[in-house]
């Protein structure tokens, strides 16, 4: 039987792991409501000061650029017409003070003509996080559409096959 200190250390590590996973989940879950409400500051604060959001073909570098996407004409047009960014259940890989979170996402748009909604885009996202003094923050996010091209499939494969990611 293991010593009580060993058991406590194991439990502490498991609790830290669970808390990290919950914190990462909360950040990813907050993205859709932040961008759909047009809350640019909250969205930008998810990233480090020099964080990158690569949403091909546009690459946004830094919080100001990410906030600018939210306040920009195109995004504002989407949310004022009716839009929802839906994020799937994440796959989380922790490695000390770094983490990689992979999720599916869909952008659902209001279709007033049909009195309903339509899925406009379905993609996969690779969020790379670092632990900072302010908690977990996004260093890099890559979004690729699942449109039959290999880029999206490669991001999914990297999440489930450590040899690829």
N, C-alpha and C. Protein backbone atom coordinates (compact mmCIF):
# COMPACT_ATOMS: atom_id res chain seq x y z
N UNK A 1 0.84 -1.19 0.00
CA UNK A 1 0.00 0.00 0.00
C UNK A 1 0.89 1.25 0.00
N UNK A 2 0.45 2.27 -0.74
CA UNK A 2 1.26 3.48 -0.84
C UNK A 2 1.08 4.36 0.39
N UNK A 3 2.06 5.13 0.63
CA UNK A 3 2.09 6.06 1.75
C UNK A 3 1.02 7.16 1.53
N UNK A 4 0.48 7.69 2.60
CA UNK A 4 -0.58 8.70 2.53
C UNK A 4 -0.12 9.94 1.77
N UNK A 5 1.14 10.33 1.91
CA UNK A 5 1.65 11.50 1.19
C UNK A 5 1.67 11.27 -0.31
N UNK A 6 2.00 10.04 -0.71
CA UNK A 6 1.97 9.70 -2.13
C UNK A 6 0.55 9.77 -2.67
N UNK A 7 -0.38 9.24 -1.89
CA UNK A 7 -1.79 9.26 -2.31
C UNK A 7 -2.31 10.68 -2.40
N UNK A 8 -1.95 11.52 -1.45
CA UNK A 8 -2.38 12.92 -1.49
C UNK A 8 -1.79 13.64 -2.70
N UNK A 9 -0.53 13.37 -3.00
CA UNK A 9 0.11 13.99 -4.16
C UNK A 9 -0.60 13.59 -5.46
N UNK A 10 -0.96 12.31 -5.55
CA UNK A 10 -1.68 11.83 -6.73
C UNK A 10 -3.05 12.50 -6.83
N UNK A 11 -3.75 12.58 -5.72
CA UNK A 11 -5.07 13.24 -5.72
C UNK A 11 -4.95 14.72 -6.07
N UNK A 12 -3.94 15.39 -5.55
CA UNK A 12 -3.73 16.80 -5.85
C UNK A 12 -3.47 17.00 -7.34
N UNK A 13 -2.66 16.12 -7.93
CA UNK A 13 -2.39 16.21 -9.36
C UNK A 13 -3.67 15.99 -10.17
N UNK A 14 -4.46 15.02 -9.77
CA UNK A 14 -5.72 14.76 -10.48
C UNK A 14 -6.67 15.94 -10.36
N UNK A 15 -6.73 16.58 -9.19
CA UNK A 15 -7.58 17.75 -9.01
C UNK A 15 -7.08 18.92 -9.86
N UNK A 16 -5.78 19.14 -9.88
CA UNK A 16 -5.22 20.20 -10.72
C UNK A 16 -5.54 19.97 -12.18
N UNK A 17 -5.42 18.73 -12.63
CA UNK A 17 -5.73 18.37 -14.01
C UNK A 17 -7.20 18.67 -14.31
N UNK A 18 -8.09 18.28 -13.41
CA UNK A 18 -9.52 18.52 -13.62
C UNK A 18 -9.83 20.01 -13.64
N UNK A 19 -9.20 20.78 -12.75
CA UNK A 19 -9.41 22.23 -12.73
C UNK A 19 -8.91 22.88 -14.02
N UNK A 20 -7.76 22.43 -14.52
CA UNK A 20 -7.24 22.96 -15.78
C UNK A 20 -8.19 22.66 -16.93
N UNK A 21 -8.67 21.42 -16.99
CA UNK A 21 -9.59 21.05 -18.07
C UNK A 21 -10.88 21.87 -18.01
N UNK A 22 -11.39 22.08 -16.81
CA UNK A 22 -12.61 22.89 -16.65
C UNK A 22 -12.36 24.33 -17.08
N UNK A 23 -11.22 24.90 -16.70
CA UNK A 23 -10.90 26.28 -17.10
C UNK A 23 -10.80 26.40 -18.62
N UNK A 24 -10.15 25.44 -19.26
CA UNK A 24 -10.04 25.46 -20.73
C UNK A 24 -11.40 25.32 -21.38
N UNK A 25 -12.21 24.43 -20.86
CA UNK A 25 -13.56 24.24 -21.37
C UNK A 25 -14.37 25.54 -21.27
N UNK A 26 -14.25 26.23 -20.15
CA UNK A 26 -14.99 27.48 -19.94
C UNK A 26 -14.57 28.54 -20.96
N UNK A 27 -13.29 28.64 -21.25
CA UNK A 27 -12.82 29.64 -22.22
C UNK A 27 -13.38 29.32 -23.60
N UNK A 28 -13.25 28.08 -24.03
CA UNK A 28 -13.75 27.69 -25.36
C UNK A 28 -15.26 27.87 -25.43
N UNK A 29 -15.97 27.52 -24.35
CA UNK A 29 -17.43 27.66 -24.34
C UNK A 29 -17.86 29.12 -24.36
N UNK A 30 -17.02 30.02 -23.87
CA UNK A 30 -17.36 31.44 -23.84
C UNK A 30 -17.16 32.12 -25.19
N UNK A 31 -16.41 31.50 -26.09
CA UNK A 31 -16.11 32.15 -27.37
C UNK A 31 -17.38 32.49 -28.15
N UNK A 32 -18.26 31.52 -28.35
CA UNK A 32 -19.48 31.77 -29.12
C UNK A 32 -20.32 32.90 -28.55
N UNK A 33 -20.68 32.85 -27.26
CA UNK A 33 -21.44 33.96 -26.70
C UNK A 33 -20.72 35.30 -26.79
N UNK A 34 -19.39 35.30 -26.65
CA UNK A 34 -18.65 36.57 -26.73
C UNK A 34 -18.74 37.17 -28.13
N UNK A 35 -18.48 36.37 -29.17
CA UNK A 35 -18.52 36.93 -30.52
C UNK A 35 -19.95 37.19 -30.99
N UNK A 36 -20.89 36.35 -30.57
CA UNK A 36 -22.27 36.54 -31.01
C UNK A 36 -22.93 37.74 -30.34
N UNK A 37 -22.44 38.14 -29.18
CA UNK A 37 -22.96 39.34 -28.52
C UNK A 37 -22.19 40.58 -28.95
N UNK A 38 -21.12 40.40 -29.72
CA UNK A 38 -20.31 41.52 -30.16
C UNK A 38 -19.42 42.08 -29.07
N UNK A 39 -19.11 41.26 -28.07
CA UNK A 39 -18.30 41.70 -26.94
C UNK A 39 -16.82 41.53 -27.30
N UNK A 40 -16.29 42.53 -27.98
CA UNK A 40 -14.95 42.45 -28.54
C UNK A 40 -13.87 42.34 -27.47
N UNK A 41 -14.00 43.09 -26.39
CA UNK A 41 -12.98 43.07 -25.34
C UNK A 41 -12.87 41.71 -24.68
N UNK A 42 -14.02 41.11 -24.39
CA UNK A 42 -14.02 39.77 -23.76
C UNK A 42 -13.40 38.75 -24.71
N UNK A 43 -13.74 38.86 -25.98
CA UNK A 43 -13.18 37.95 -26.97
C UNK A 43 -11.67 38.10 -27.03
N UNK A 44 -11.18 39.32 -27.17
CA UNK A 44 -9.75 39.57 -27.31
C UNK A 44 -8.96 39.13 -26.08
N UNK A 45 -9.55 39.28 -24.89
CA UNK A 45 -8.85 38.92 -23.65
C UNK A 45 -8.65 37.41 -23.51
N UNK A 46 -9.32 36.61 -24.34
CA UNK A 46 -9.09 35.18 -24.31
C UNK A 46 -7.68 34.86 -24.81
N UNK A 47 -7.12 35.73 -25.64
CA UNK A 47 -5.80 35.55 -26.25
C UNK A 47 -4.73 36.26 -25.43
N UNK A 48 -3.49 35.79 -25.57
CA UNK A 48 -2.36 36.54 -25.05
C UNK A 48 -2.25 37.83 -25.87
N UNK A 49 -1.49 38.78 -25.36
CA UNK A 49 -1.35 40.08 -26.04
C UNK A 49 -0.94 39.92 -27.50
N UNK A 50 -0.05 38.95 -27.77
CA UNK A 50 0.44 38.74 -29.13
C UNK A 50 -0.15 37.47 -29.77
N UNK A 51 -1.28 37.01 -29.22
CA UNK A 51 -1.90 35.79 -29.73
C UNK A 51 -2.35 35.91 -31.17
N UNK A 52 -2.50 34.75 -31.82
CA UNK A 52 -2.83 34.69 -33.24
C UNK A 52 -4.12 33.88 -33.42
N UNK A 53 -4.97 34.38 -34.32
CA UNK A 53 -6.16 33.65 -34.74
C UNK A 53 -6.09 33.51 -36.26
N UNK A 54 -5.80 32.29 -36.71
CA UNK A 54 -5.65 31.98 -38.13
C UNK A 54 -6.96 31.38 -38.62
N UNK A 55 -7.76 32.20 -39.25
CA UNK A 55 -9.03 31.74 -39.80
C UNK A 55 -8.98 31.95 -41.31
N UNK A 56 -8.25 31.07 -41.96
CA UNK A 56 -7.92 31.15 -43.38
C UNK A 56 -9.06 31.77 -44.19
N UNK A 57 -8.77 32.74 -45.02
CA UNK A 57 -7.45 33.24 -45.42
C UNK A 57 -6.93 34.40 -44.55
N UNK A 58 -7.68 34.79 -43.55
CA UNK A 58 -7.29 35.91 -42.69
C UNK A 58 -6.52 35.40 -41.48
N UNK A 59 -5.41 36.05 -41.15
CA UNK A 59 -4.65 35.75 -39.95
C UNK A 59 -4.63 37.02 -39.10
N UNK A 60 -5.24 36.92 -37.92
CA UNK A 60 -5.31 38.06 -37.01
C UNK A 60 -4.21 37.92 -35.98
N UNK A 61 -3.42 38.98 -35.79
CA UNK A 61 -2.29 38.94 -34.87
C UNK A 61 -2.49 40.00 -33.80
N UNK A 62 -2.62 39.55 -32.56
CA UNK A 62 -2.77 40.45 -31.43
C UNK A 62 -4.21 40.72 -31.06
N UNK A 63 -4.39 41.15 -29.81
CA UNK A 63 -5.73 41.39 -29.30
C UNK A 63 -6.49 42.46 -30.09
N UNK A 64 -5.78 43.51 -30.50
CA UNK A 64 -6.46 44.59 -31.23
C UNK A 64 -7.07 44.07 -32.53
N UNK A 65 -6.35 43.22 -33.23
CA UNK A 65 -6.86 42.66 -34.49
C UNK A 65 -8.05 41.73 -34.23
N UNK A 66 -7.97 40.97 -33.15
CA UNK A 66 -9.07 40.05 -32.82
C UNK A 66 -10.31 40.85 -32.42
N UNK A 67 -10.13 41.88 -31.62
CA UNK A 67 -11.26 42.76 -31.26
C UNK A 67 -11.82 43.43 -32.51
N UNK A 68 -10.93 43.83 -33.41
CA UNK A 68 -11.36 44.46 -34.66
C UNK A 68 -12.22 43.54 -35.53
N UNK A 69 -11.92 42.24 -35.49
CA UNK A 69 -12.76 41.29 -36.23
C UNK A 69 -14.18 41.33 -35.69
N UNK A 70 -14.31 41.35 -34.35
CA UNK A 70 -15.64 41.33 -33.73
C UNK A 70 -16.41 42.61 -34.03
N UNK A 71 -15.73 43.74 -34.04
CA UNK A 71 -16.41 45.01 -34.28
C UNK A 71 -16.50 45.36 -35.76
N UNK A 72 -15.85 44.55 -36.60
CA UNK A 72 -15.82 44.82 -38.03
C UNK A 72 -17.19 44.70 -38.71
N UNK A 73 -17.28 45.32 -39.84
CA UNK A 73 -18.53 45.39 -40.60
C UNK A 73 -19.08 44.00 -40.95
N UNK A 74 -18.21 43.10 -41.40
CA UNK A 74 -18.69 41.77 -41.80
C UNK A 74 -19.29 41.01 -40.62
N UNK A 75 -18.55 40.98 -39.49
CA UNK A 75 -19.04 40.25 -38.31
C UNK A 75 -20.30 40.91 -37.76
N UNK A 76 -20.31 42.22 -37.69
CA UNK A 76 -21.49 42.92 -37.18
C UNK A 76 -22.71 42.64 -38.06
N UNK A 77 -22.49 42.55 -39.36
CA UNK A 77 -23.59 42.21 -40.27
C UNK A 77 -24.14 40.82 -39.98
N UNK A 78 -23.26 39.88 -39.70
CA UNK A 78 -23.70 38.52 -39.39
C UNK A 78 -24.53 38.49 -38.11
N UNK A 79 -24.01 39.10 -37.04
CA UNK A 79 -24.71 38.97 -35.76
C UNK A 79 -26.00 39.79 -35.74
N UNK A 80 -26.06 40.87 -36.51
CA UNK A 80 -27.31 41.65 -36.55
C UNK A 80 -28.36 41.02 -37.46
N UNK A 81 -27.94 40.05 -38.26
CA UNK A 81 -28.89 39.30 -39.09
C UNK A 81 -29.35 38.02 -38.40
N UNK A 82 -28.64 37.65 -37.34
CA UNK A 82 -28.95 36.41 -36.61
C UNK A 82 -27.89 35.36 -36.86
N UNK A 83 -27.00 35.17 -35.91
CA UNK A 83 -25.91 34.21 -36.07
C UNK A 83 -25.59 33.56 -34.73
N UNK A 84 -25.14 32.32 -34.81
CA UNK A 84 -24.71 31.61 -33.61
C UNK A 84 -23.47 30.79 -33.95
N UNK A 85 -22.40 31.02 -33.18
CA UNK A 85 -21.19 30.21 -33.29
C UNK A 85 -21.32 29.08 -32.29
N UNK A 86 -21.49 27.88 -32.79
CA UNK A 86 -21.68 26.71 -31.93
C UNK A 86 -20.38 25.92 -31.87
N UNK A 87 -19.94 25.62 -30.66
CA UNK A 87 -18.68 24.92 -30.45
C UNK A 87 -18.98 23.53 -29.91
N UNK A 88 -18.35 22.52 -30.51
CA UNK A 88 -18.54 21.15 -30.07
C UNK A 88 -17.76 20.83 -28.81
N UNK A 89 -18.02 19.68 -28.26
CA UNK A 89 -17.30 19.22 -27.06
C UNK A 89 -15.82 19.11 -27.41
N UNK A 90 -14.96 19.70 -26.59
CA UNK A 90 -13.54 19.73 -26.94
C UNK A 90 -12.77 18.47 -26.58
N UNK A 91 -11.75 18.22 -27.35
CA UNK A 91 -10.73 17.23 -27.02
C UNK A 91 -9.59 18.03 -26.41
N UNK A 92 -9.18 17.71 -25.18
CA UNK A 92 -8.19 18.50 -24.46
C UNK A 92 -6.96 17.65 -24.19
N UNK A 93 -5.79 18.21 -24.55
CA UNK A 93 -4.51 17.57 -24.25
C UNK A 93 -3.69 18.54 -23.41
N UNK A 94 -3.39 18.16 -22.19
CA UNK A 94 -2.61 18.99 -21.27
C UNK A 94 -1.15 18.55 -21.27
N UNK A 95 -0.26 19.54 -21.15
CA UNK A 95 1.16 19.26 -21.03
C UNK A 95 1.77 20.36 -20.17
N UNK A 96 1.63 20.21 -18.86
CA UNK A 96 2.14 21.22 -17.93
C UNK A 96 1.42 22.54 -18.09
N UNK A 97 2.16 23.58 -18.47
CA UNK A 97 1.59 24.92 -18.64
C UNK A 97 1.17 25.20 -20.07
N UNK A 98 1.06 24.17 -20.87
CA UNK A 98 0.60 24.27 -22.27
C UNK A 98 -0.57 23.30 -22.44
N UNK A 99 -1.44 23.64 -23.36
CA UNK A 99 -2.57 22.76 -23.67
C UNK A 99 -2.97 22.95 -25.12
N UNK A 100 -3.49 21.89 -25.71
CA UNK A 100 -4.07 21.95 -27.05
C UNK A 100 -5.50 21.45 -26.93
N UNK A 101 -6.43 22.27 -27.41
CA UNK A 101 -7.84 21.95 -27.38
C UNK A 101 -8.32 21.92 -28.82
N UNK A 102 -8.96 20.84 -29.21
CA UNK A 102 -9.48 20.70 -30.57
C UNK A 102 -10.98 20.57 -30.50
N UNK A 103 -11.67 21.38 -31.31
CA UNK A 103 -13.13 21.38 -31.31
C UNK A 103 -13.66 21.48 -32.73
N UNK A 104 -14.87 20.99 -32.89
CA UNK A 104 -15.64 21.30 -34.09
C UNK A 104 -16.35 22.62 -33.84
N UNK A 105 -16.70 23.31 -34.90
CA UNK A 105 -17.52 24.51 -34.77
C UNK A 105 -18.44 24.63 -35.96
N UNK A 106 -19.56 25.26 -35.71
CA UNK A 106 -20.49 25.57 -36.78
C UNK A 106 -20.94 27.01 -36.65
N UNK A 107 -21.11 27.65 -37.78
CA UNK A 107 -21.69 28.98 -37.80
C UNK A 107 -23.08 28.83 -38.40
N UNK A 108 -24.07 29.10 -37.57
CA UNK A 108 -25.46 28.98 -37.96
C UNK A 108 -26.00 30.39 -38.20
N UNK A 109 -26.65 30.58 -39.35
CA UNK A 109 -27.18 31.89 -39.71
C UNK A 109 -28.69 31.85 -39.85
N UNK A 110 -29.31 32.94 -39.49
CA UNK A 110 -30.76 33.09 -39.64
C UNK A 110 -31.07 33.14 -41.12
N UNK A 111 -32.08 32.39 -41.52
CA UNK A 111 -32.57 32.38 -42.89
C UNK A 111 -34.01 32.89 -42.84
N UNK A 112 -34.16 34.18 -42.93
CA UNK A 112 -35.48 34.81 -42.78
C UNK A 112 -36.46 34.33 -43.84
N UNK A 113 -35.99 34.05 -45.05
CA UNK A 113 -36.88 33.60 -46.13
C UNK A 113 -37.54 32.28 -45.80
N UNK A 114 -36.85 31.41 -45.08
CA UNK A 114 -37.39 30.11 -44.73
C UNK A 114 -37.90 30.07 -43.29
N UNK A 115 -37.89 31.23 -42.63
CA UNK A 115 -38.29 31.33 -41.23
C UNK A 115 -37.58 30.27 -40.39
N UNK A 116 -36.26 30.24 -40.56
CA UNK A 116 -35.47 29.25 -39.83
C UNK A 116 -34.00 29.62 -39.86
N UNK A 117 -33.16 28.59 -39.77
CA UNK A 117 -31.72 28.77 -39.73
C UNK A 117 -31.06 27.80 -40.69
N UNK A 118 -29.83 28.11 -41.06
CA UNK A 118 -29.05 27.21 -41.90
C UNK A 118 -27.62 27.19 -41.40
N UNK A 119 -26.99 26.05 -41.55
CA UNK A 119 -25.57 25.94 -41.19
C UNK A 119 -24.78 26.50 -42.36
N UNK A 120 -24.03 27.55 -42.09
CA UNK A 120 -23.25 28.18 -43.14
C UNK A 120 -21.87 27.55 -43.26
N UNK A 121 -21.25 27.27 -42.12
CA UNK A 121 -19.89 26.71 -42.13
C UNK A 121 -19.75 25.69 -41.01
N UNK A 122 -18.98 24.66 -41.30
CA UNK A 122 -18.60 23.67 -40.29
C UNK A 122 -17.10 23.52 -40.37
N UNK A 123 -16.45 23.69 -39.24
CA UNK A 123 -15.00 23.64 -39.23
C UNK A 123 -14.45 22.91 -38.03
N UNK A 124 -13.14 22.87 -37.99
CA UNK A 124 -12.42 22.31 -36.86
C UNK A 124 -11.44 23.37 -36.40
N UNK A 125 -11.22 23.41 -35.09
CA UNK A 125 -10.37 24.43 -34.49
C UNK A 125 -9.32 23.79 -33.60
N UNK A 126 -8.10 24.26 -33.73
CA UNK A 126 -7.01 23.85 -32.84
C UNK A 126 -6.63 25.10 -32.04
N UNK A 127 -6.94 25.05 -30.75
CA UNK A 127 -6.62 26.14 -29.83
C UNK A 127 -5.36 25.74 -29.07
N UNK A 128 -4.33 26.55 -29.11
CA UNK A 128 -3.12 26.30 -28.34
C UNK A 128 -3.10 27.32 -27.19
N UNK A 129 -3.03 26.80 -25.97
CA UNK A 129 -3.11 27.63 -24.77
C UNK A 129 -1.80 27.61 -24.02
N UNK A 130 -1.59 28.67 -23.25
CA UNK A 130 -0.50 28.72 -22.28
C UNK A 130 -1.07 29.23 -20.96
N UNK A 131 -0.49 28.76 -19.88
CA UNK A 131 -0.90 29.25 -18.56
C UNK A 131 -0.13 30.55 -18.30
N UNK A 132 -0.84 31.61 -17.97
CA UNK A 132 -0.22 32.89 -17.66
C UNK A 132 -0.57 33.26 -16.22
N UNK A 133 -0.07 34.39 -15.77
CA UNK A 133 -0.42 34.85 -14.42
C UNK A 133 -1.90 35.20 -14.34
N UNK A 134 -2.55 35.42 -15.48
CA UNK A 134 -3.99 35.69 -15.54
C UNK A 134 -4.82 34.44 -15.82
N UNK A 135 -4.19 33.28 -15.81
CA UNK A 135 -4.88 32.03 -16.12
C UNK A 135 -4.54 31.58 -17.53
N UNK A 136 -5.32 30.62 -18.03
CA UNK A 136 -5.10 30.09 -19.37
C UNK A 136 -5.48 31.13 -20.41
N UNK A 137 -4.64 31.27 -21.45
CA UNK A 137 -4.94 32.16 -22.56
C UNK A 137 -4.53 31.49 -23.87
N UNK A 138 -5.21 31.90 -24.94
CA UNK A 138 -4.94 31.36 -26.27
C UNK A 138 -3.67 32.02 -26.82
N UNK A 139 -2.75 31.19 -27.27
CA UNK A 139 -1.54 31.67 -27.95
C UNK A 139 -1.80 31.66 -29.46
N UNK A 140 -2.47 30.60 -29.91
CA UNK A 140 -2.71 30.42 -31.34
C UNK A 140 -3.99 29.61 -31.53
N UNK A 141 -4.82 30.06 -32.42
CA UNK A 141 -6.00 29.29 -32.80
C UNK A 141 -6.01 29.19 -34.32
N UNK A 142 -6.18 27.97 -34.79
CA UNK A 142 -6.29 27.71 -36.22
C UNK A 142 -7.67 27.16 -36.49
N UNK A 143 -8.38 27.77 -37.42
CA UNK A 143 -9.72 27.32 -37.82
C UNK A 143 -9.64 26.93 -39.29
N UNK A 144 -10.09 25.72 -39.59
CA UNK A 144 -10.16 25.27 -40.98
C UNK A 144 -11.52 24.64 -41.22
N UNK A 145 -12.03 24.89 -42.41
CA UNK A 145 -13.34 24.37 -42.77
C UNK A 145 -13.25 22.89 -43.14
N UNK A 146 -14.30 22.18 -42.82
CA UNK A 146 -14.41 20.77 -43.22
C UNK A 146 -15.13 20.75 -44.56
N UNK A 147 -14.38 21.10 -45.59
CA UNK A 147 -14.93 21.26 -46.93
C UNK A 147 -14.37 20.25 -47.93
N UNK A 148 -13.78 19.19 -47.39
CA UNK A 148 -13.20 18.16 -48.26
C UNK A 148 -11.71 18.32 -48.48
N UNK A 149 -11.16 19.47 -48.14
CA UNK A 149 -9.72 19.66 -48.28
C UNK A 149 -9.01 19.03 -47.08
N UNK A 150 -7.73 18.71 -47.20
CA UNK A 150 -7.05 17.98 -46.13
C UNK A 150 -6.78 18.79 -44.85
N UNK A 151 -6.78 20.11 -44.91
CA UNK A 151 -6.37 20.91 -43.75
C UNK A 151 -7.22 20.62 -42.52
N UNK A 152 -8.52 20.59 -42.67
CA UNK A 152 -9.40 20.31 -41.54
C UNK A 152 -9.23 18.90 -40.99
N UNK A 153 -9.15 17.95 -41.89
CA UNK A 153 -8.94 16.56 -41.46
C UNK A 153 -7.61 16.40 -40.73
N UNK A 154 -6.58 17.12 -41.19
CA UNK A 154 -5.28 17.04 -40.53
C UNK A 154 -5.34 17.56 -39.10
N UNK A 155 -6.11 18.62 -38.85
CA UNK A 155 -6.26 19.13 -37.48
C UNK A 155 -6.96 18.11 -36.59
N UNK A 156 -7.97 17.43 -37.14
CA UNK A 156 -8.67 16.41 -36.36
C UNK A 156 -7.73 15.25 -36.06
N UNK A 157 -6.99 14.80 -37.07
CA UNK A 157 -6.07 13.68 -36.89
C UNK A 157 -5.03 14.00 -35.82
N UNK A 158 -4.53 15.23 -35.80
CA UNK A 158 -3.52 15.62 -34.81
C UNK A 158 -4.07 15.54 -33.39
N UNK A 159 -5.38 15.76 -33.24
CA UNK A 159 -5.99 15.70 -31.91
C UNK A 159 -6.07 14.27 -31.38
N UNK A 160 -6.39 13.34 -32.25
CA UNK A 160 -6.63 11.97 -31.79
C UNK A 160 -5.43 11.03 -31.98
N UNK A 161 -4.45 11.47 -32.75
CA UNK A 161 -3.26 10.65 -33.00
C UNK A 161 -2.02 11.44 -32.59
N UNK A 162 -1.51 11.19 -31.38
CA UNK A 162 -0.35 11.95 -30.90
C UNK A 162 0.84 11.94 -31.85
N UNK A 163 0.97 10.93 -32.67
CA UNK A 163 2.08 10.86 -33.60
C UNK A 163 1.99 11.98 -34.65
N UNK A 164 0.77 12.50 -34.87
CA UNK A 164 0.57 13.54 -35.87
C UNK A 164 0.53 14.95 -35.28
N UNK A 165 0.37 15.06 -33.95
CA UNK A 165 0.12 16.37 -33.40
C UNK A 165 1.13 16.89 -32.50
